[in-house]
C-alpha cells in the first residue's frame, strides 16, 4: 500500500490538474458565447446567397454551367475541418473518420483545415493536397475565400472531379455530429424547394446571361458554405472542449475524494499500528 507521503503528493498533483481543467472549461465557455454569436450571424448571408442561385436555377429555362454538370469521377477532394488543439473529447477524431468514409472506393486527396486533421490523416499515409493551421477557433471569410479558390481551381483544372466537405454540425451545447456534404458539382434539384420572394421568376432577365451570373455567384456560394462550416465547427470545438474539461474536473474531484479516503485509511492504520506497538512494549516491560 502507498505511503501517506505518496498519497498526499498524488492528491496535490490531481488538485493542480483540476485547477487547470477548470480554468480551461471557463475559457472555452467564454469563447463559446462569441463563437455561437458569430455562427448565428453567418446564416442570413448563406440564406440569401442560396436564394440567388435558386432564382436563377428555378427561373431559367434550363441554365447550363460546368459547376452543375456531373462528370466521370476519377479523383475526389475532401476538405476536412478540425481543430488545431486537442483536449476536446472525440471532436477531431469523429470528423476525421467521417472524412475517410466520404468516398471510400475512390482515389481521394484531402485539404485539411486544422492541425489535428492533418496529423490524423498523415499518420494514416493519406494524400494531403493542402493544409491550413491557426484558423480553427477564429475563422474569417478571407480564410474561407482563399481555401475555396484553391479547391475550385483544382476542380476547374480537372485535378479532382468531386469536392466534399467534412465538418461538425452544431446540435446543442452538449451535442454535435460530424457531417459530410457534397460541394461540387452542385445538384440543381437541391434548390427547387428554396423559397424566393419573386412571384414570377420567368420575368427575371440576367445580364450578360444566366451562365455568367452563375459563374460569379456559385464560387461565392461555395465560399459561404465553407465559411459557415468553419464557424460552426469552431463553435463545436469549443463546446466539446468545455464539456470535456467539465468532465475532467468532475473526475478529478472524485479522484481526490477517493485519495482522501485512502489517505485516512492509511493514517488510521498507522495510528492503530503505533498504539499496538506501544501496548505490546508496555506489556513486555510489565512481564
C-alpha atoms as a PDB file:
ATOM      1  CA  UNK A   1       0.000   0.000   0.000  1.00  0.00           C
ATOM      2  CA  UNK A   2       1.214   3.514  -0.818  1.00  0.00           C
ATOM      3  CA  UNK A   3       2.599   5.630   1.998  1.00  0.00           C
ATOM      4  CA  UNK A   4       0.842   8.721   3.336  1.00  0.00           C
ATOM      5  CA  UNK A   5       3.503  10.910   1.730  1.00  0.00           C
ATOM      6  CA  UNK A   6       2.888   9.359  -1.695  1.00  0.00           C
ATOM      7  CA  UNK A   7      -0.877   9.766  -1.333  1.00  0.00           C
ATOM      8  CA  UNK A   8      -0.548  13.408  -0.272  1.00  0.00           C
ATOM      9  CA  UNK A   9       1.723  14.047  -3.236  1.00  0.00           C
ATOM     10  CA  UNK A  10      -0.820  12.484  -5.562  1.00  0.00           C
ATOM     11  CA  UNK A  11      -3.676  14.486  -4.061  1.00  0.00           C
ATOM     12  CA  UNK A  12      -1.700  17.668  -4.661  1.00  0.00           C
ATOM     13  CA  UNK A  13      -0.951  16.633  -8.252  1.00  0.00           C
ATOM     14  CA  UNK A  14      -4.588  15.839  -9.040  1.00  0.00           C
ATOM     15  CA  UNK A  15      -5.660  19.110  -7.408  1.00  0.00           C
ATOM     16  CA  UNK A  16      -3.296  21.072  -9.674  1.00  0.00           C
ATOM     17  CA  UNK A  17      -4.696  19.256 -12.712  1.00  0.00           C
ATOM     18  CA  UNK A  18      -8.224  20.038 -11.551  1.00  0.00           C
ATOM     19  CA  UNK A  19      -7.409  23.752 -11.384  1.00  0.00           C
ATOM     20  CA  UNK A  20      -6.109  23.623 -14.976  1.00  0.00           C
ATOM     21  CA  UNK A  21      -9.143  21.779 -16.336  1.00  0.00           C
ATOM     22  CA  UNK A  22     -11.498  24.144 -14.503  1.00  0.00           C
ATOM     23  CA  UNK A  23      -9.708  27.163 -15.972  1.00  0.00           C
ATOM     24  CA  UNK A  24      -9.829  25.645 -19.469  1.00  0.00           C
ATOM     25  CA  UNK A  25     -13.537  24.995 -19.013  1.00  0.00           C
ATOM     26  CA  UNK A  26     -14.143  28.655 -18.127  1.00  0.00           C
ATOM     27  CA  UNK A  27     -12.043  29.893 -21.057  1.00  0.00           C
ATOM     28  CA  UNK A  28     -13.843  27.609 -23.521  1.00  0.00           C
ATOM     29  CA  UNK A  29     -17.198  28.711 -22.105  1.00  0.00           C
ATOM     30  CA  UNK A  30     -16.440  32.403 -22.649  1.00  0.00           C
ATOM     31  CA  UNK A  31     -15.120  31.767 -26.170  1.00  0.00           C
ATOM     32  CA  UNK A  32     -18.148  29.628 -26.998  1.00  0.00           C
ATOM     33  CA  UNK A  33     -20.543  32.517 -26.393  1.00  0.00           C
ATOM     34  CA  UNK A  34     -18.743  34.619 -29.020  1.00  0.00           C
ATOM     35  CA  UNK A  35     -18.478  31.673 -31.422  1.00  0.00           C
ATOM     36  CA  UNK A  36     -22.227  30.992 -31.228  1.00  0.00           C
ATOM     37  CA  UNK A  37     -22.960  34.656 -31.925  1.00  0.00           C
ATOM     38  CA  UNK A  38     -20.661  34.611 -34.957  1.00  0.00           C
ATOM     39  CA  UNK A  39     -22.314  31.391 -36.153  1.00  0.00           C
ATOM     40  CA  UNK A  40     -25.808  32.898 -35.978  1.00  0.00           C
ATOM     41  CA  UNK A  41     -24.607  35.947 -37.904  1.00  0.00           C
ATOM     42  CA  UNK A  42     -23.434  33.858 -40.879  1.00  0.00           C
ATOM     43  CA  UNK A  43     -26.802  32.224 -41.504  1.00  0.00           C
ATOM     44  CA  UNK A  44     -28.505  35.184 -43.283  1.00  0.00           C
ATOM     45  CA  UNK A  45     -25.571  35.558 -45.713  1.00  0.00           C
ATOM     46  CA  UNK A  46     -25.778  31.874 -46.600  1.00  0.00           C
ATOM     47  CA  UNK A  47     -29.565  32.015 -46.975  1.00  0.00           C
ATOM     48  CA  UNK A  48     -29.554  34.971 -49.372  1.00  0.00           C
ATOM     49  CA  UNK A  49     -26.732  33.528 -51.490  1.00  0.00           C
ATOM     50  CA  UNK A  50     -28.628  30.257 -51.779  1.00  0.00           C
ATOM     51  CA  UNK A  51     -31.779  32.185 -52.714  1.00  0.00           C
ATOM     52  CA  UNK A  52     -29.926  33.982 -55.518  1.00  0.00           C
ATOM     53  CA  UNK A  53     -28.842  30.678 -57.044  1.00  0.00           C
ATOM     54  CA  UNK A  54     -32.365  29.274 -56.633  1.00  0.00           C
ATOM     55  CA  UNK A  55     -33.808  32.251 -58.507  1.00  0.00           C
ATOM     56  CA  UNK A  56     -31.545  31.546 -61.471  1.00  0.00           C
ATOM     57  CA  UNK A  57     -31.889  27.766 -61.476  1.00  0.00           C
ATOM     58  CA  UNK A  58     -35.656  27.707 -60.887  1.00  0.00           C
ATOM     59  CA  UNK A  59     -36.479  30.728 -63.022  1.00  0.00           C
ATOM     60  CA  UNK A  60     -34.443  29.847 -66.084  1.00  0.00           C
ATOM     61  CA  UNK A  61     -35.388  27.681 -68.994  1.00  0.00           C
ATOM     62  CA  UNK A  62     -32.540  25.330 -68.090  1.00  0.00           C
ATOM     63  CA  UNK A  63     -29.363  27.049 -67.022  1.00  0.00           C
ATOM     64  CA  UNK A  64     -26.223  25.202 -68.033  1.00  0.00           C
ATOM     65  CA  UNK A  65     -22.951  25.569 -66.159  1.00  0.00           C
ATOM     66  CA  UNK A  66     -19.887  23.352 -65.553  1.00  0.00           C
ATOM     67  CA  UNK A  67     -20.482  23.549 -61.810  1.00  0.00           C
ATOM     68  CA  UNK A  68     -23.928  21.990 -62.316  1.00  0.00           C
ATOM     69  CA  UNK A  69     -22.823  19.143 -64.597  1.00  0.00           C
ATOM     70  CA  UNK A  70     -21.586  15.775 -63.371  1.00  0.00           C
ATOM     71  CA  UNK A  71     -18.555  14.105 -64.935  1.00  0.00           C
ATOM     72  CA  UNK A  72     -16.676  10.858 -64.649  1.00  0.00           C
ATOM     73  CA  UNK A  73     -15.216  10.595 -61.175  1.00  0.00           C
ATOM     74  CA  UNK A  74     -11.525   9.694 -61.180  1.00  0.00           C
ATOM     75  CA  UNK A  75     -10.367  11.630 -58.132  1.00  0.00           C
ATOM     76  CA  UNK A  76     -12.159  13.247 -55.217  1.00  0.00           C
ATOM     77  CA  UNK A  77     -11.156  16.100 -52.935  1.00  0.00           C
ATOM     78  CA  UNK A  78     -12.365  16.016 -49.342  1.00  0.00           C
ATOM     79  CA  UNK A  79     -11.980  19.109 -47.212  1.00  0.00           C
ATOM     80  CA  UNK A  80     -11.943  18.298 -43.503  1.00  0.00           C
ATOM     81  CA  UNK A  81     -12.305  20.873 -40.733  1.00  0.00           C
ATOM     82  CA  UNK A  82     -10.764  20.032 -37.361  1.00  0.00           C
ATOM     83  CA  UNK A  83      -9.145  21.942 -34.523  1.00  0.00           C
ATOM     84  CA  UNK A  84      -5.525  22.926 -34.079  1.00  0.00           C
ATOM     85  CA  UNK A  85      -5.560  21.663 -30.498  1.00  0.00           C
ATOM     86  CA  UNK A  86      -6.825  18.633 -28.649  1.00  0.00           C
ATOM     87  CA  UNK A  87      -8.445  18.233 -25.223  1.00  0.00           C
ATOM     88  CA  UNK A  88     -11.915  18.358 -26.783  1.00  0.00           C
ATOM     89  CA  UNK A  89     -13.144  14.779 -26.492  1.00  0.00           C
ATOM     90  CA  UNK A  90     -13.813  12.941 -29.740  1.00  0.00           C
ATOM     91  CA  UNK A  91     -14.409  16.094 -31.781  1.00  0.00           C
ATOM     92  CA  UNK A  92     -11.329  15.794 -34.023  1.00  0.00           C
ATOM     93  CA  UNK A  93     -11.359  12.017 -34.380  1.00  0.00           C
ATOM     94  CA  UNK A  94     -15.052  11.790 -35.272  1.00  0.00           C
ATOM     95  CA  UNK A  95     -14.916  14.276 -38.147  1.00  0.00           C
ATOM     96  CA  UNK A  96     -11.718  12.682 -39.497  1.00  0.00           C
ATOM     97  CA  UNK A  97     -13.415   9.274 -39.566  1.00  0.00           C
ATOM     98  CA  UNK A  98     -16.352  10.815 -41.413  1.00  0.00           C
ATOM     99  CA  UNK A  99     -13.936  12.341 -43.957  1.00  0.00           C
ATOM    100  CA  UNK A 100     -12.315   8.956 -44.573  1.00  0.00           C
ATOM    101  CA  UNK A 101     -15.744   7.460 -45.296  1.00  0.00           C
ATOM    102  CA  UNK A 102     -16.811  10.248 -47.680  1.00  0.00           C
ATOM    103  CA  UNK A 103     -15.566   8.435 -50.790  1.00  0.00           C
ATOM    104  CA  UNK A 104     -14.109   5.096 -49.638  1.00  0.00           C
ATOM    105  CA  UNK A 105     -13.841   3.474 -53.084  1.00  0.00           C
ATOM    106  CA  UNK A 106     -12.270   6.427 -54.917  1.00  0.00           C
ATOM    107  CA  UNK A 107      -8.841   8.000 -55.181  1.00  0.00           C
ATOM    108  CA  UNK A 108      -9.014  10.802 -52.599  1.00  0.00           C
ATOM    109  CA  UNK A 109      -6.872  13.812 -51.798  1.00  0.00           C
ATOM    110  CA  UNK A 110      -7.506  15.838 -48.669  1.00  0.00           C
ATOM    111  CA  UNK A 111      -7.439  19.534 -47.851  1.00  0.00           C
ATOM    112  CA  UNK A 112      -7.164  19.914 -44.088  1.00  0.00           C
ATOM    113  CA  UNK A 113      -8.206  22.935 -42.057  1.00  0.00           C
ATOM    114  CA  UNK A 114      -6.750  22.418 -38.595  1.00  0.00           C
ATOM    115  CA  UNK A 115      -3.573  20.751 -37.404  1.00  0.00           C
ATOM    116  CA  UNK A 116      -5.266  17.745 -35.798  1.00  0.00           C
ATOM    117  CA  UNK A 117      -6.851  16.674 -39.085  1.00  0.00           C
ATOM    118  CA  UNK A 118      -3.527  16.929 -40.868  1.00  0.00           C
ATOM    119  CA  UNK A 119      -1.788  14.840 -38.198  1.00  0.00           C
ATOM    120  CA  UNK A 120      -4.559  12.213 -38.202  1.00  0.00           C
ATOM    121  CA  UNK A 121      -4.507  11.749 -41.983  1.00  0.00           C
ATOM    122  CA  UNK A 122      -0.727  11.957 -42.306  1.00  0.00           C
ATOM    123  CA  UNK A 123      -0.371   9.224 -39.692  1.00  0.00           C
ATOM    124  CA  UNK A 124      -2.521   7.021 -41.960  1.00  0.00           C
ATOM    125  CA  UNK A 125      -0.458   7.882 -45.065  1.00  0.00           C
ATOM    126  CA  UNK A 126      -3.263   9.757 -46.830  1.00  0.00           C
ATOM    127  CA  UNK A 127      -2.591  12.207 -49.667  1.00  0.00           C
ATOM    128  CA  UNK A 128      -2.853  15.795 -48.410  1.00  0.00           C
ATOM    129  CA  UNK A 129      -3.004  18.401 -51.165  1.00  0.00           C
ATOM    130  CA  UNK A 130      -3.011  21.408 -48.842  1.00  0.00           C
ATOM    131  CA  UNK A 131      -3.015  22.049 -45.111  1.00  0.00           C
ATOM    132  CA  UNK A 132      -4.087  25.151 -43.174  1.00  0.00           C
ATOM    133  CA  UNK A 133      -3.437  25.879 -39.495  1.00  0.00           C
ATOM    134  CA  UNK A 134      -4.065  28.653 -36.993  1.00  0.00           C
ATOM    135  CA  UNK A 135      -7.632  29.498 -38.039  1.00  0.00           C
ATOM    136  CA  UNK A 136      -9.750  26.817 -36.389  1.00  0.00           C
ATOM    137  CA  UNK A 137     -11.025  28.841 -33.413  1.00  0.00           C
ATOM    138  CA  UNK A 138     -11.306  32.242 -35.135  1.00  0.00           C
ATOM    139  CA  UNK A 139     -12.046  31.738 -38.840  1.00  0.00           C
ATOM    140  CA  UNK A 140     -12.884  34.679 -41.087  1.00  0.00           C
ATOM    141  CA  UNK A 141     -14.321  34.967 -44.566  1.00  0.00           C
ATOM    142  CA  UNK A 142     -10.968  35.761 -46.183  1.00  0.00           C
ATOM    143  CA  UNK A 143      -9.641  32.418 -44.952  1.00  0.00           C
ATOM    144  CA  UNK A 144     -12.644  30.628 -46.448  1.00  0.00           C
ATOM    145  CA  UNK A 145     -12.303  32.553 -49.727  1.00  0.00           C
ATOM    146  CA  UNK A 146      -8.638  31.655 -50.163  1.00  0.00           C
ATOM    147  CA  UNK A 147      -9.254  27.993 -49.392  1.00  0.00           C
ATOM    148  CA  UNK A 148     -12.359  27.918 -51.599  1.00  0.00           C
ATOM    149  CA  UNK A 149     -10.473  29.452 -54.520  1.00  0.00           C
ATOM    150  CA  UNK A 150      -7.707  26.864 -54.150  1.00  0.00           C
ATOM    151  CA  UNK A 151     -10.120  23.930 -54.173  1.00  0.00           C
ATOM    152  CA  UNK A 152     -12.264  25.308 -57.024  1.00  0.00           C
ATOM    153  CA  UNK A 153      -9.107  25.797 -59.072  1.00  0.00           C
ATOM    154  CA  UNK A 154      -8.338  22.111 -58.584  1.00  0.00           C
ATOM    155  CA  UNK A 155     -11.862  21.325 -59.816  1.00  0.00           C
ATOM    156  CA  UNK A 156     -11.674  23.710 -62.786  1.00  0.00           C
ATOM    157  CA  UNK A 157      -8.342  22.280 -63.940  1.00  0.00           C
ATOM    158  CA  UNK A 158      -9.597  18.701 -63.715  1.00  0.00           C
ATOM    159  CA  UNK A 159      -7.362  17.651 -60.827  1.00  0.00           C
ATOM    160  CA  UNK A 160     -10.461  16.460 -58.964  1.00  0.00           C
ATOM    161  CA  UNK A 161     -13.940  15.580 -60.199  1.00  0.00           C
ATOM    162  CA  UNK A 162     -15.929  15.928 -56.981  1.00  0.00           C
ATOM    163  CA  UNK A 163     -15.497  18.018 -53.843  1.00  0.00           C
ATOM    164  CA  UNK A 164     -16.796  17.054 -50.407  1.00  0.00           C
ATOM    165  CA  UNK A 165     -16.724  18.956 -47.144  1.00  0.00           C
ATOM    166  CA  UNK A 166     -16.451  17.204 -43.775  1.00  0.00           C
ATOM    167  CA  UNK A 167     -17.231  19.354 -40.746  1.00  0.00           C
ATOM    168  CA  UNK A 168     -19.058  19.168 -37.421  1.00  0.00           C
ATOM    169  CA  UNK A 169     -22.679  20.233 -37.160  1.00  0.00           C
ATOM    170  CA  UNK A 170     -23.717  22.121 -34.037  1.00  0.00           C
ATOM    171  CA  UNK A 171     -26.761  20.440 -32.461  1.00  0.00           C
ATOM    172  CA  UNK A 172     -26.594  21.876 -28.956  1.00  0.00           C
ATOM    173  CA  UNK A 173     -24.012  22.981 -26.429  1.00  0.00           C
ATOM    174  CA  UNK A 174     -23.513  19.397 -25.290  1.00  0.00           C
ATOM    175  CA  UNK A 175     -24.137  17.646 -28.609  1.00  0.00           C
ATOM    176  CA  UNK A 176     -22.641  17.833 -32.106  1.00  0.00           C
ATOM    177  CA  UNK A 177     -22.386  15.479 -35.065  1.00  0.00           C
ATOM    178  CA  UNK A 178     -19.860  15.054 -37.891  1.00  0.00           C
ATOM    179  CA  UNK A 179     -21.369  15.757 -41.297  1.00  0.00           C
ATOM    180  CA  UNK A 180     -20.229  15.349 -44.905  1.00  0.00           C
ATOM    181  CA  UNK A 181     -21.786  17.358 -47.752  1.00  0.00           C
ATOM    182  CA  UNK A 182     -21.086  17.409 -51.464  1.00  0.00           C
ATOM    183  CA  UNK A 183     -19.970  20.794 -52.776  1.00  0.00           C
ATOM    184  CA  UNK A 184     -19.095  20.088 -56.406  1.00  0.00           C
ATOM    185  CA  UNK A 185     -20.773  19.581 -58.740  1.00  0.00           C
ATOM    186  CA  UNK A 186     -23.886  21.287 -57.431  1.00  0.00           C
ATOM    187  CA  UNK A 187     -27.172  19.443 -57.756  1.00  0.00           C
ATOM    188  CA  UNK A 188     -29.799  21.757 -59.232  1.00  0.00           C
ATOM    189  CA  UNK A 189     -32.560  19.682 -57.600  1.00  0.00           C
ATOM    190  CA  UNK A 190     -31.339  20.849 -54.179  1.00  0.00           C
ATOM    191  CA  UNK A 191     -32.546  24.381 -54.968  1.00  0.00           C
ATOM    192  CA  UNK A 192     -36.058  23.543 -56.155  1.00  0.00           C
ATOM    193  CA  UNK A 193     -37.518  23.823 -52.641  1.00  0.00           C
ATOM    194  CA  UNK A 194     -35.880  27.161 -51.827  1.00  0.00           C
ATOM    195  CA  UNK A 195     -38.461  29.902 -51.320  1.00  0.00           C
ATOM    196  CA  UNK A 196     -37.892  33.111 -53.209  1.00  0.00           C
ATOM    197  CA  UNK A 197     -39.513  36.496 -52.999  1.00  0.00           C
ATOM    198  CA  UNK A 198     -40.216  36.796 -56.720  1.00  0.00           C
ATOM    199  CA  UNK A 199     -43.746  35.808 -57.712  1.00  0.00           C
ATOM    200  CA  UNK A 200     -42.762  35.073 -61.301  1.00  0.00           C
ATOM    201  CA  UNK A 201     -39.129  34.204 -61.802  1.00  0.00           C
ATOM    202  CA  UNK A 202     -39.604  33.794 -65.549  1.00  0.00           C
ATOM    203  CA  UNK A 203     -39.733  37.590 -65.859  1.00  0.00           C
ATOM    204  CA  UNK A 204     -36.196  37.965 -64.485  1.00  0.00           C
ATOM    205  CA  UNK A 205     -33.557  38.954 -67.031  1.00  0.00           C
ATOM    206  CA  UNK A 206     -29.883  38.292 -66.270  1.00  0.00           C
ATOM    207  CA  UNK A 207     -27.111  40.316 -67.856  1.00  0.00           C
ATOM    208  CA  UNK A 208     -24.887  39.339 -69.539  1.00  0.00           C
ATOM    209  CA  UNK A 209     -26.513  35.914 -69.120  1.00  0.00           C
ATOM    210  CA  UNK A 210     -27.527  33.192 -66.681  1.00  0.00           C
ATOM    211  CA  UNK A 211     -24.285  31.229 -67.115  1.00  0.00           C
ATOM    212  CA  UNK A 212     -22.155  34.316 -66.447  1.00  0.00           C
ATOM    213  CA  UNK A 213     -24.147  35.125 -63.314  1.00  0.00           C
ATOM    214  CA  UNK A 214     -23.783  31.547 -62.089  1.00  0.00           C
ATOM    215  CA  UNK A 215     -20.066  31.732 -62.812  1.00  0.00           C
ATOM    216  CA  UNK A 216     -19.897  34.650 -60.383  1.00  0.00           C
ATOM    217  CA  UNK A 217     -22.367  33.549 -57.722  1.00  0.00           C
ATOM    218  CA  UNK A 218     -21.521  29.828 -57.331  1.00  0.00           C
ATOM    219  CA  UNK A 219     -17.939  30.403 -56.094  1.00  0.00           C
ATOM    220  CA  UNK A 220     -19.381  32.894 -53.597  1.00  0.00           C
ATOM    221  CA  UNK A 221     -21.867  30.239 -52.544  1.00  0.00           C
ATOM    222  CA  UNK A 222     -19.102  27.653 -52.048  1.00  0.00           C
ATOM    223  CA  UNK A 223     -17.032  30.139 -50.042  1.00  0.00           C
ATOM    224  CA  UNK A 224     -20.064  30.952 -47.921  1.00  0.00           C
ATOM    225  CA  UNK A 225     -20.767  27.283 -47.196  1.00  0.00           C
ATOM    226  CA  UNK A 226     -17.120  26.752 -46.286  1.00  0.00           C
ATOM    227  CA  UNK A 227     -17.056  29.813 -44.044  1.00  0.00           C
ATOM    228  CA  UNK A 228     -20.292  28.765 -42.341  1.00  0.00           C
ATOM    229  CA  UNK A 229     -18.890  25.273 -41.766  1.00  0.00           C
ATOM    230  CA  UNK A 230     -15.679  26.710 -40.318  1.00  0.00           C
ATOM    231  CA  UNK A 231     -17.615  28.970 -37.946  1.00  0.00           C
ATOM    232  CA  UNK A 232     -19.968  26.138 -36.947  1.00  0.00           C
ATOM    233  CA  UNK A 233     -17.043  23.766 -36.391  1.00  0.00           C
ATOM    234  CA  UNK A 234     -15.332  26.377 -34.218  1.00  0.00           C
ATOM    235  CA  UNK A 235     -18.414  26.517 -32.004  1.00  0.00           C
ATOM    236  CA  UNK A 236     -18.463  22.710 -31.854  1.00  0.00           C
ATOM    237  CA  UNK A 237     -14.787  22.546 -30.943  1.00  0.00           C
ATOM    238  CA  UNK A 238     -15.244  24.978 -28.069  1.00  0.00           C
ATOM    239  CA  UNK A 239     -18.403  23.281 -26.812  1.00  0.00           C
ATOM    240  CA  UNK A 240     -16.642  19.890 -26.970  1.00  0.00           C
ATOM    241  CA  UNK A 241     -13.654  21.282 -25.077  1.00  0.00           C
ATOM    242  CA  UNK A 242     -15.923  22.865 -22.478  1.00  0.00           C
ATOM    243  CA  UNK A 243     -17.762  19.557 -21.982  1.00  0.00           C
ATOM    244  CA  UNK A 244     -14.537  17.539 -21.878  1.00  0.00           C
ATOM    245  CA  UNK A 245     -12.921  19.856 -19.338  1.00  0.00           C
ATOM    246  CA  UNK A 246     -16.056  19.850 -17.211  1.00  0.00           C
ATOM    247  CA  UNK A 247     -15.995  16.042 -17.157  1.00  0.00           C
ATOM    248  CA  UNK A 248     -12.264  16.076 -16.385  1.00  0.00           C
ATOM    249  CA  UNK A 249     -12.858  18.468 -13.473  1.00  0.00           C
ATOM    250  CA  UNK A 250     -15.572  16.213 -12.048  1.00  0.00           C
ATOM    251  CA  UNK A 251     -13.378  13.139 -12.459  1.00  0.00           C
ATOM    252  CA  UNK A 252     -10.529  14.906 -10.672  1.00  0.00           C
ATOM    253  CA  UNK A 253     -12.863  15.803  -7.814  1.00  0.00           C
ATOM    254  CA  UNK A 254     -13.953  12.157  -7.485  1.00  0.00           C
ATOM    255  CA  UNK A 255     -10.338  11.023  -7.606  1.00  0.00           C
ATOM    256  CA  UNK A 256      -9.398  13.461  -4.824  1.00  0.00           C
ATOM    257  CA  UNK A 257     -12.262  12.159  -2.693  1.00  0.00           C
ATOM    258  CA  UNK A 258     -11.070   8.564  -3.202  1.00  0.00           C
ATOM    259  CA  UNK A 259      -7.480   9.542  -2.412  1.00  0.00           C
ATOM    260  CA  UNK A 260      -8.562  11.367   0.755  1.00  0.00           C
ATOM    261  CA  UNK A 261     -10.457   8.261   1.835  1.00  0.00           C
ATOM    262  CA  UNK A 262      -7.402   6.116   1.140  1.00  0.00           C
ATOM    263  CA  UNK A 263      -5.183   8.601   2.997  1.00  0.00           C
ATOM    264  CA  UNK A 264      -7.437   8.467   6.056  1.00  0.00           C
ATOM    265  CA  UNK A 265      -7.416   4.657   5.988  1.00  0.00           C
ATOM    266  CA  UNK A 266      -3.620   4.533   5.767  1.00  0.00           C
ATOM    267  CA  UNK A 267      -3.327   7.153   8.506  1.00  0.00           C
ATOM    268  CA  UNK A 268      -5.759   5.246  10.711  1.00  0.00           C
ATOM    269  CA  UNK A 269      -3.823   2.067  10.078  1.00  0.00           C
ATOM    270  CA  UNK A 270      -0.563   3.763  11.026  1.00  0.00           C
ATOM    271  CA  UNK A 271      -2.091   5.097  14.258  1.00  0.00           C
ATOM    272  CA  UNK A 272      -3.506   1.670  15.116  1.00  0.00           C
ATOM    273  CA  UNK A 273      -0.131   0.106  14.497  1.00  0.00           C
ATOM    274  CA  UNK A 274       1.603   2.654  16.748  1.00  0.00           C
ATOM    275  CA  UNK A 275      -0.907   2.030  19.539  1.00  0.00           C
ATOM    276  CA  UNK A 276      -0.452  -1.731  19.182  1.00  0.00           C
ATOM    277  CA  UNK A 277       3.321  -1.357  19.384  1.00  0.00           C
ATOM    278  CA  UNK A 278       3.049   0.864  22.479  1.00  0.00           C
ATOM    279  CA  UNK A 279       0.709  -1.558  24.217  1.00  0.00           C
ATOM    280  CA  UNK A 280       2.906  -4.505  23.250  1.00  0.00           C
ATOM    281  CA  UNK A 281       6.003  -2.736  24.595  1.00  0.00           C
ATOM    282  CA  UNK A 282       4.222  -1.861  27.834  1.00  0.00           C
ATOM    283  CA  UNK A 283       3.139  -5.469  28.376  1.00  0.00           C
ATOM    284  CA  UNK A 284       6.659  -6.662  27.690  1.00  0.00           C
ATOM    285  CA  UNK A 285       8.063  -4.280  30.331  1.00  0.00           C
ATOM    286  CA  UNK A 286       5.480  -5.410  32.881  1.00  0.00           C
ATOM    287  CA  UNK A 287       6.285  -9.036  32.198  1.00  0.00           C
END
